[in-house]
Amino acid sequence: MTPRKLLTIVVLVAVLGFGYYSMNAAPVLSNHEYTYQGGLEWHEDPDEALSVAEQQNKPVLVYYWTTWCTYCQTYDDEHYQDEDVREVLDEYVLLAINLDDPGPGVNLAMDHGANYPPQHVIMTHDRTEVSELGGYVERDRFLQELRRGLDSVAT
């Protein structure tokens, strides 16, 4: 084997190895019913989340995310770890839809025009949109919008 062929094979293996690693480096915990963004339990099936929201008389917070989204990681690390945010999130049914693989959430993502993460939508169990936060917002603004969403649904 010539040195050139050997070098080509080594480079090819390195590129494929790097590609494989980068696609699998971001840990996403899931059990095919829930995902655990920010250490919280999020539904992955919109119909199931809406049914639970109706039964519990709670609004739904839809979170559109991806594994490669740096702002999504910031939400996971900072916003969802904050005690005040978590307290308000307890009043919601949480629904997370991975835009890279939306599964049963594909129609809802299309309805909300969610094509780039992060995006949050607050809605009622009958799919009435109450509020939308596109892109990244600071923790205080996020918390304010969550509280406003609760107030809008309660009235």
Protein backbone atom coordinates (compact mmCIF):
# COMPACT_ATOMS: atom_id res chain seq x y z
CA MET A 1 0.00 0.00 0.00
CA THR A 2 1.33 3.38 -0.95
CA PRO A 3 1.82 6.10 1.67
CA ARG A 4 -0.76 8.24 -0.11
CA LYS A 5 -3.45 5.53 0.12
CA LEU A 6 -2.60 4.94 3.77
CA LEU A 7 -2.86 8.65 4.52
CA THR A 8 -6.22 8.84 2.70
CA ILE A 9 -7.58 5.94 4.77
CA VAL A 10 -6.33 7.48 8.03
CA VAL A 11 -7.92 10.84 7.22
CA LEU A 12 -11.21 9.17 6.21
CA VAL A 13 -11.33 7.16 9.44
CA ALA A 14 -10.54 10.29 11.48
CA VAL A 15 -13.31 12.30 9.78
CA LEU A 16 -15.86 9.52 10.24
CA GLY A 17 -14.82 9.05 13.86
CA PHE A 18 -15.11 12.77 14.56
CA GLY A 19 -18.52 12.89 12.89
CA TYR A 20 -19.79 9.94 14.90
CA TYR A 21 -18.45 11.39 18.16
CA SER A 22 -19.91 14.85 17.55
CA MET A 23 -23.36 13.42 16.80
CA ASN A 24 -23.35 11.36 19.98
CA ALA A 25 -21.46 13.65 22.36
CA ALA A 26 -24.46 15.62 23.64
CA PRO A 27 -26.20 13.53 26.29
CA VAL A 28 -29.95 13.40 25.89
CA LEU A 29 -31.74 11.32 28.45
CA SER A 30 -34.95 9.80 27.21
CA ASN A 31 -37.07 6.75 27.81
CA HIS A 32 -39.26 7.11 24.67
CA GLU A 33 -42.09 8.60 26.71
CA TYR A 34 -40.29 11.48 28.39
CA THR A 35 -37.18 13.54 27.89
CA TYR A 36 -35.35 15.12 30.78
CA GLN A 37 -34.26 18.56 29.65
CA GLY A 38 -32.79 20.54 32.53
CA GLY A 39 -33.44 17.61 34.83
CA LEU A 40 -37.20 18.06 34.39
CA GLU A 41 -39.60 15.46 33.05
CA TRP A 42 -41.03 16.61 29.70
CA HIS A 43 -43.64 14.77 27.68
CA GLU A 44 -42.68 14.06 24.07
CA ASP A 45 -46.15 13.28 22.69
CA PRO A 46 -48.38 16.35 22.24
CA ASP A 47 -51.64 14.38 22.48
CA GLU A 48 -50.57 12.86 25.77
CA ALA A 49 -49.42 16.21 27.17
CA LEU A 50 -52.66 17.92 26.13
CA SER A 51 -54.71 15.15 27.71
CA VAL A 52 -52.79 15.46 31.00
CA ALA A 53 -53.20 19.26 30.85
CA GLU A 54 -56.95 18.87 30.47
CA GLN A 55 -57.17 16.38 33.34
CA GLN A 56 -55.04 18.55 35.65
CA ASN A 57 -56.49 21.87 34.40
CA LYS A 58 -53.01 23.22 33.63
CA PRO A 59 -51.53 25.09 30.69
CA VAL A 60 -48.90 23.47 28.48
CA LEU A 61 -45.39 24.81 28.00
CA VAL A 62 -44.02 23.57 24.69
CA TYR A 63 -40.24 23.71 24.36
CA TYR A 64 -38.73 23.33 20.89
CA TRP A 65 -35.06 22.38 21.19
CA THR A 66 -32.15 20.52 19.58
CA THR A 67 -28.98 18.89 20.89
CA TRP A 68 -26.73 21.32 18.99
CA CYS A 69 -28.47 24.49 20.25
CA THR A 70 -26.15 26.41 22.60
CA TYR A 71 -28.99 28.56 23.92
CA CYS A 72 -30.95 25.37 24.70
CA GLN A 73 -27.99 24.26 26.81
CA THR A 74 -28.10 27.62 28.61
CA TYR A 75 -31.80 27.08 29.34
CA ASP A 76 -30.98 23.61 30.68
CA ASP A 77 -28.09 24.79 32.83
CA GLU A 78 -29.46 28.07 34.13
CA HIS A 79 -33.16 28.68 33.65
CA TYR A 80 -34.47 25.19 34.35
CA GLN A 81 -32.15 24.81 37.37
CA ASP A 82 -33.43 28.01 38.99
CA GLU A 83 -35.72 27.33 41.97
CA ASP A 84 -38.13 30.16 41.11
CA VAL A 85 -38.47 28.94 37.52
CA ARG A 86 -38.95 25.34 38.64
CA GLU A 87 -41.67 26.42 41.07
CA VAL A 88 -43.63 28.11 38.28
CA LEU A 89 -42.98 25.20 35.88
CA ASP A 90 -44.74 22.92 38.38
CA GLU A 91 -47.95 24.70 37.34
CA TYR A 92 -47.46 23.60 33.70
CA VAL A 93 -47.58 20.38 31.78
CA LEU A 94 -44.20 20.28 30.04
CA LEU A 95 -43.85 19.19 26.42
CA ALA A 96 -40.43 19.10 24.72
CA ILE A 97 -40.09 18.59 20.99
CA ASN A 98 -36.67 17.97 19.47
CA LEU A 99 -36.72 19.79 16.14
CA ASP A 100 -34.12 17.40 14.72
CA ASP A 101 -36.49 14.48 15.30
CA PRO A 102 -39.93 15.90 16.14
CA GLY A 103 -41.71 12.52 16.02
CA PRO A 104 -45.36 12.95 16.99
CA GLY A 105 -44.73 16.68 17.55
CA VAL A 106 -44.09 17.44 13.88
CA ASN A 107 -47.59 18.84 13.25
CA LEU A 108 -47.49 21.00 16.36
CA ALA A 109 -44.08 22.34 15.35
CA MET A 110 -45.49 23.25 11.95
CA ASP A 111 -48.54 24.89 13.56
CA HIS A 112 -46.26 27.04 15.73
CA GLY A 113 -43.81 27.77 12.93
CA ALA A 114 -41.03 26.29 15.05
CA ASN A 115 -38.09 25.81 12.75
CA TYR A 116 -35.17 27.03 14.85
CA PRO A 117 -34.49 26.51 18.56
CA PRO A 118 -35.04 27.52 21.23
CA GLN A 119 -38.68 28.41 21.17
CA HIS A 120 -41.26 28.23 23.95
CA VAL A 121 -45.01 28.32 23.42
CA ILE A 122 -47.57 28.50 26.20
CA MET A 123 -50.95 27.07 25.24
CA THR A 124 -54.13 25.69 26.72
CA HIS A 125 -55.16 22.04 26.58
CA ASP A 126 -57.35 22.85 23.56
CA ARG A 127 -54.30 24.18 21.64
CA THR A 128 -55.12 27.87 22.06
CA GLU A 129 -51.81 29.72 21.97
CA VAL A 130 -51.41 32.08 24.93
CA SER A 131 -47.81 33.25 24.49
CA GLU A 132 -44.66 32.62 22.52
CA LEU A 133 -41.01 33.23 23.33
CA GLY A 134 -38.77 32.86 20.30
CA GLY A 135 -35.04 32.58 20.79
CA TYR A 136 -33.18 33.07 24.03
CA VAL A 137 -34.42 35.39 26.77
CA GLU A 138 -32.86 36.18 30.14
CA ARG A 139 -34.10 34.26 33.18
CA ASP A 140 -36.14 37.16 34.60
CA ARG A 141 -37.98 37.71 31.31
CA PHE A 142 -38.57 33.97 30.98
CA LEU A 143 -40.00 33.81 34.50
CA GLN A 144 -42.17 36.86 33.86
CA GLU A 145 -43.59 35.27 30.71
CA LEU A 146 -44.29 31.98 32.52
CA ARG A 147 -46.21 33.83 35.24
CA ARG A 148 -48.08 35.90 32.67
CA GLY A 149 -49.03 32.68 30.87
CA LEU A 150 -50.45 31.26 34.10
CA ASP A 151 -52.42 34.45 34.70
CA SER A 152 -53.82 34.42 31.15
CA VAL A 153 -55.00 30.83 31.46
CA ALA A 154 -56.49 31.36 34.94
CA THR A 155 -58.72 34.24 33.83
